[in-house]
């Protein structure tokens, strides 16, 4: 009796089936940067940092002062999709409240 598969082919080789684990790469991370302007009130910036980025008051004030004094501040580091969404939310929220506040993202 020969070794035959259901498809009619004869098995002539034996081997070990090995399972290869796919190599997953960590997604790139992006910094969300808030840019200084001369028109947006500081308390509005603190509010945005708390509402959109989930910062507590101390963290929000610290970031706001960095934006005010250095011209830019890091609001958080996220995957691309999350960073892009947060940037869009900040800009849209600021526009709705008639402020020129700008946010951008930068690959870390």
C-alpha atoms as a PDB file:
ATOM      1  CA  UNK A   1       0.000   0.000   0.000  1.00  0.00           C
ATOM      2  CA  UNK A   2       1.504   3.321  -1.027  1.00  0.00           C
ATOM      3  CA  UNK A   3       1.224   6.542   0.868  1.00  0.00           C
ATOM      4  CA  UNK A   4      -1.396   8.441  -1.097  1.00  0.00           C
ATOM      5  CA  UNK A   5      -3.192  11.685  -0.281  1.00  0.00           C
ATOM      6  CA  UNK A   6      -6.873  12.167  -0.927  1.00  0.00           C
ATOM      7  CA  UNK A   7      -5.969  14.156  -4.012  1.00  0.00           C
ATOM      8  CA  UNK A   8      -4.243  11.177  -5.597  1.00  0.00           C
ATOM      9  CA  UNK A   9      -0.646  12.368  -5.201  1.00  0.00           C
ATOM     10  CA  UNK A  10       1.853  10.113  -3.564  1.00  0.00           C
ATOM     11  CA  UNK A  11       3.759  11.405  -0.520  1.00  0.00           C
ATOM     12  CA  UNK A  12       7.444  10.959  -1.190  1.00  0.00           C
ATOM     13  CA  UNK A  13       8.861  13.497   1.245  1.00  0.00           C
ATOM     14  CA  UNK A  14       8.490  14.018   4.932  1.00  0.00           C
ATOM     15  CA  UNK A  15       9.393  17.211   6.724  1.00  0.00           C
ATOM     16  CA  UNK A  16       8.718  19.334   9.690  1.00  0.00           C
ATOM     17  CA  UNK A  17       6.239  22.124   9.408  1.00  0.00           C
ATOM     18  CA  UNK A  18       7.543  25.233  11.099  1.00  0.00           C
ATOM     19  CA  UNK A  19       5.455  28.190  12.028  1.00  0.00           C
ATOM     20  CA  UNK A  20       7.156  31.509  11.485  1.00  0.00           C
ATOM     21  CA  UNK A  21       6.065  34.339  13.715  1.00  0.00           C
ATOM     22  CA  UNK A  22       5.392  37.530  11.758  1.00  0.00           C
ATOM     23  CA  UNK A  23       7.742  40.278  12.784  1.00  0.00           C
ATOM     24  CA  UNK A  24       5.658  43.191  13.884  1.00  0.00           C
ATOM     25  CA  UNK A  25       7.216  46.588  13.883  1.00  0.00           C
ATOM     26  CA  UNK A  26       6.231  49.216  16.424  1.00  0.00           C
ATOM     27  CA  UNK A  27       4.324  52.041  14.760  1.00  0.00           C
ATOM     28  CA  UNK A  28       6.122  55.342  14.377  1.00  0.00           C
ATOM     29  CA  UNK A  29       5.281  57.917  16.991  1.00  0.00           C
ATOM     30  CA  UNK A  30       4.501  61.569  16.385  1.00  0.00           C
ATOM     31  CA  UNK A  31       4.774  64.605  18.633  1.00  0.00           C
ATOM     32  CA  UNK A  32       1.811  66.963  18.656  1.00  0.00           C
ATOM     33  CA  UNK A  33       3.203  70.488  18.822  1.00  0.00           C
ATOM     34  CA  UNK A  34       1.263  73.591  19.785  1.00  0.00           C
ATOM     35  CA  UNK A  35       2.497  76.845  18.269  1.00  0.00           C
ATOM     36  CA  UNK A  36       2.474  80.238  19.914  1.00  0.00           C
ATOM     37  CA  UNK A  37       0.457  83.153  18.570  1.00  0.00           C
ATOM     38  CA  UNK A  38      -0.167  86.638  19.914  1.00  0.00           C
ATOM     39  CA  UNK A  39      -3.956  86.368  20.027  1.00  0.00           C
ATOM     40  CA  UNK A  40      -5.110  83.154  21.712  1.00  0.00           C
ATOM     41  CA  UNK A  41      -5.651  83.690  25.453  1.00  0.00           C
ATOM     42  CA  UNK A  42      -3.525  81.604  27.800  1.00  0.00           C
ATOM     43  CA  UNK A  43      -6.560  80.285  29.655  1.00  0.00           C
ATOM     44  CA  UNK A  44      -8.017  79.006  26.367  1.00  0.00           C
ATOM     45  CA  UNK A  45      -4.757  77.132  25.650  1.00  0.00           C
ATOM     46  CA  UNK A  46      -4.879  75.569  29.136  1.00  0.00           C
ATOM     47  CA  UNK A  47      -8.500  74.567  28.525  1.00  0.00           C
ATOM     48  CA  UNK A  48      -7.595  72.926  25.170  1.00  0.00           C
ATOM     49  CA  UNK A  49      -4.732  71.009  26.766  1.00  0.00           C
ATOM     50  CA  UNK A  50      -7.077  69.688  29.433  1.00  0.00           C
ATOM     51  CA  UNK A  51     -10.047  68.956  27.172  1.00  0.00           C
ATOM     52  CA  UNK A  52      -8.291  67.436  24.157  1.00  0.00           C
ATOM     53  CA  UNK A  53      -5.055  66.076  25.598  1.00  0.00           C
ATOM     54  CA  UNK A  54      -6.322  65.060  29.038  1.00  0.00           C
ATOM     55  CA  UNK A  55      -3.707  67.087  30.902  1.00  0.00           C
ATOM     56  CA  UNK A  56      -4.266  68.090  34.500  1.00  0.00           C
ATOM     57  CA  UNK A  57      -4.128  71.793  35.327  1.00  0.00           C
ATOM     58  CA  UNK A  58      -0.479  71.743  36.408  1.00  0.00           C
ATOM     59  CA  UNK A  59       0.677  69.956  33.231  1.00  0.00           C
ATOM     60  CA  UNK A  60      -1.498  72.181  31.047  1.00  0.00           C
ATOM     61  CA  UNK A  61      -0.115  75.387  32.570  1.00  0.00           C
ATOM     62  CA  UNK A  62       3.457  74.101  32.202  1.00  0.00           C
ATOM     63  CA  UNK A  63       2.932  73.314  28.486  1.00  0.00           C
ATOM     64  CA  UNK A  64       1.118  76.617  27.904  1.00  0.00           C
ATOM     65  CA  UNK A  65       4.038  78.543  29.437  1.00  0.00           C
ATOM     66  CA  UNK A  66       6.481  76.619  27.253  1.00  0.00           C
ATOM     67  CA  UNK A  67       4.416  77.532  24.180  1.00  0.00           C
ATOM     68  CA  UNK A  68       4.265  81.167  25.308  1.00  0.00           C
ATOM     69  CA  UNK A  69       7.958  81.503  26.171  1.00  0.00           C
ATOM     70  CA  UNK A  70       9.626  79.266  23.568  1.00  0.00           C
ATOM     71  CA  UNK A  71       7.125  79.493  20.726  1.00  0.00           C
ATOM     72  CA  UNK A  72       6.276  75.788  20.709  1.00  0.00           C
ATOM     73  CA  UNK A  73       5.317  73.097  23.194  1.00  0.00           C
ATOM     74  CA  UNK A  74       4.826  69.331  23.055  1.00  0.00           C
ATOM     75  CA  UNK A  75       1.249  68.362  23.912  1.00  0.00           C
ATOM     76  CA  UNK A  76       1.822  64.614  23.676  1.00  0.00           C
ATOM     77  CA  UNK A  77       3.294  61.746  21.666  1.00  0.00           C
ATOM     78  CA  UNK A  78       0.953  59.422  19.793  1.00  0.00           C
ATOM     79  CA  UNK A  79       0.594  57.103  16.819  1.00  0.00           C
ATOM     80  CA  UNK A  80       0.054  58.955  13.533  1.00  0.00           C
ATOM     81  CA  UNK A  81      -3.722  58.512  13.456  1.00  0.00           C
ATOM     82  CA  UNK A  82      -4.215  59.690  17.037  1.00  0.00           C
ATOM     83  CA  UNK A  83      -1.810  62.633  16.584  1.00  0.00           C
ATOM     84  CA  UNK A  84      -3.536  63.714  13.373  1.00  0.00           C
ATOM     85  CA  UNK A  85      -6.954  63.526  15.024  1.00  0.00           C
ATOM     86  CA  UNK A  86      -5.814  65.621  17.982  1.00  0.00           C
ATOM     87  CA  UNK A  87      -4.279  68.259  15.694  1.00  0.00           C
ATOM     88  CA  UNK A  88      -7.517  68.481  13.717  1.00  0.00           C
ATOM     89  CA  UNK A  89      -9.613  68.698  16.891  1.00  0.00           C
ATOM     90  CA  UNK A  90      -7.475  71.547  18.292  1.00  0.00           C
ATOM     91  CA  UNK A  91      -7.586  73.576  15.084  1.00  0.00           C
ATOM     92  CA  UNK A  92     -11.327  73.043  14.597  1.00  0.00           C
ATOM     93  CA  UNK A  93     -12.116  73.839  18.253  1.00  0.00           C
ATOM     94  CA  UNK A  94      -9.980  77.003  18.150  1.00  0.00           C
ATOM     95  CA  UNK A  95     -11.651  78.169  14.923  1.00  0.00           C
ATOM     96  CA  UNK A  96     -15.083  77.570  16.403  1.00  0.00           C
ATOM     97  CA  UNK A  97     -14.084  79.844  19.292  1.00  0.00           C
ATOM     98  CA  UNK A  98     -12.492  82.377  16.906  1.00  0.00           C
ATOM     99  CA  UNK A  99      -8.887  81.818  17.948  1.00  0.00           C
ATOM    100  CA  UNK A 100      -5.941  81.322  15.549  1.00  0.00           C
ATOM    101  CA  UNK A 101      -4.364  78.587  17.700  1.00  0.00           C
ATOM    102  CA  UNK A 102      -2.237  76.222  15.597  1.00  0.00           C
ATOM    103  CA  UNK A 103      -1.112  72.664  16.197  1.00  0.00           C
ATOM    104  CA  UNK A 104       1.070  70.454  14.060  1.00  0.00           C
ATOM    105  CA  UNK A 105       2.675  67.043  14.262  1.00  0.00           C
ATOM    106  CA  UNK A 106       6.250  65.916  13.827  1.00  0.00           C
ATOM    107  CA  UNK A 107       7.727  62.443  13.614  1.00  0.00           C
ATOM    108  CA  UNK A 108       9.640  61.604  16.758  1.00  0.00           C
END
